C-alpha atoms as a PDB file:
ATOM      1  CA  MET A   1      -5.479   4.113  -9.153  1.00  0.00           C
ATOM      2  CA  ALA A   2      -2.205   2.290  -8.758  1.00  0.00           C
ATOM      3  CA  LYS A   3      -0.090   1.771 -11.829  1.00  0.00           C
ATOM      4  CA  ASN A   4       1.183  -1.681 -12.726  1.00  0.00           C
ATOM      5  CA  GLY A   5       4.769  -2.241 -13.726  1.00  0.00           C
ATOM      6  CA  LYS A   6       5.928  -4.860 -16.229  1.00  0.00           C
ATOM      7  CA  ALA A   7       3.544  -7.710 -16.823  1.00  0.00           C
ATOM      8  CA  GLY A   8       4.344 -10.700 -14.630  1.00  0.00           C
ATOM      9  CA  ASP A   9       6.500  -8.992 -12.060  1.00  0.00           C
ATOM     10  CA  GLY A  10       3.903  -9.697  -9.335  1.00  0.00           C
ATOM     11  CA  HIS A  11       3.538  -6.317  -7.647  1.00  0.00           C
ATOM     12  CA  ARG A  12       2.042  -2.854  -8.044  1.00  0.00           C
ATOM     13  CA  ASN A  13       3.818   0.473  -7.955  1.00  0.00           C
ATOM     14  CA  GLY A  14       2.160   2.596  -5.318  1.00  0.00           C
ATOM     15  CA  ALA A  15      -1.099   2.000  -3.399  1.00  0.00           C
ATOM     16  CA  VAL A  16      -4.646   1.830  -4.723  1.00  0.00           C
ATOM     17  CA  ARG A  17      -6.198   5.190  -3.791  1.00  0.00           C
ATOM     18  CA  GLU A  18      -9.607   5.798  -2.216  1.00  0.00           C
ATOM     19  CA  ARG A  19      -9.989   2.171  -1.270  1.00  0.00           C
ATOM     20  CA  SER A  20      -9.508   0.188   1.912  1.00  0.00           C
ATOM     21  CA  GLN A  21     -10.055  -3.352   3.041  1.00  0.00           C
ATOM     22  CA  VAL A  22     -11.414  -4.833   6.231  1.00  0.00           C
ATOM     23  CA  GLN A  23     -11.618  -8.478   7.368  1.00  0.00           C
ATOM     24  CA  ASN A  24     -15.060  -9.982   7.731  1.00  0.00           C
ATOM     25  CA  PRO A  25     -15.221 -11.499  11.270  1.00  0.00           C
ATOM     26  CA  LYS A  26     -17.707 -14.261  10.237  1.00  0.00           C
ATOM     27  CA  THR A  27     -16.013 -15.522   7.084  1.00  0.00           C
ATOM     28  CA  GLY A  28     -12.444 -14.465   7.709  1.00  0.00           C
ATOM     29  CA  LEU A  29     -12.240 -13.110   4.132  1.00  0.00           C
ATOM     30  CA  TYR A  30     -11.302  -9.543   3.187  1.00  0.00           C
ATOM     31  CA  VAL A  31     -13.824  -7.063   1.804  1.00  0.00           C
ATOM     32  CA  LYS A  32     -12.840  -4.044  -0.356  1.00  0.00           C
ATOM     33  CA  ARG A  33     -14.494  -0.775   0.507  1.00  0.00           C
ATOM     34  CA  ASP A  34     -14.785   2.594  -1.272  1.00  0.00           C
ATOM     35  CA  ALA A  35     -13.436   5.292   1.062  1.00  0.00           C
ATOM     36  CA  ASN A  36     -15.621   8.052  -0.357  1.00  0.00           C
ATOM     37  CA  THR A  37     -19.016   6.405  -0.086  1.00  0.00           C
ATOM     38  CA  GLY A  38     -18.264   3.712   2.459  1.00  0.00           C
ATOM     39  CA  LYS A  39     -19.972   1.041   0.340  1.00  0.00           C
ATOM     40  CA  PHE A  40     -18.506  -2.400   0.089  1.00  0.00           C
ATOM     41  CA  MET A  41     -17.226  -3.149  -3.419  1.00  0.00           C
ATOM     42  CA  ASP A  42     -15.820  -6.580  -3.643  1.00  0.00           C
ATOM     43  CA  ASN A  43     -15.198  -9.750  -1.567  1.00  0.00           C
ATOM     44  CA  LYS A  44     -11.963 -11.774  -1.752  1.00  0.00           C
ATOM     45  CA  THR A  45     -12.914 -15.335  -2.460  1.00  0.00           C
ATOM     46  CA  THR A  46      -9.480 -17.088  -2.421  1.00  0.00           C
ATOM     47  CA  GLY A  47      -8.412 -15.873   0.997  1.00  0.00           C
ATOM     48  CA  GLY A  48      -5.592 -13.482   1.790  1.00  0.00           C
ATOM     49  CA  LYS A  49      -5.541  -9.749   1.272  1.00  0.00           C
ATOM     50  CA  PHE A  50      -6.072  -7.499  -1.751  1.00  0.00           C
ATOM     51  CA  LYS A  51      -2.785  -6.346  -3.274  1.00  0.00           C
ATOM     52  CA  GLY A  52      -1.930  -2.689  -2.850  1.00  0.00           C
ATOM     53  CA  VAL A  53      -5.074  -1.821  -0.812  1.00  0.00           C
ATOM     54  CA  ARG A  54      -4.625  -0.343   2.679  1.00  0.00           C
ATOM     55  CA  GLU A  55      -6.259  -1.855   5.738  1.00  0.00           C
ATOM     56  CA  GLU A  56      -8.586  -0.113   8.161  1.00  0.00           C
END
């Protein structure tokens, strides 16, 4: 997992490992996916991308 820096600085140090994100074509929102199993984990509800998660 990525490590967070000081509280409130607004960014992560490094990338979140073993996870990726892909944009849902119907809703336009991003979905987080586990790279090992391929299962979808979480859906972004506010729009935009997940912080520190690579894209497919």
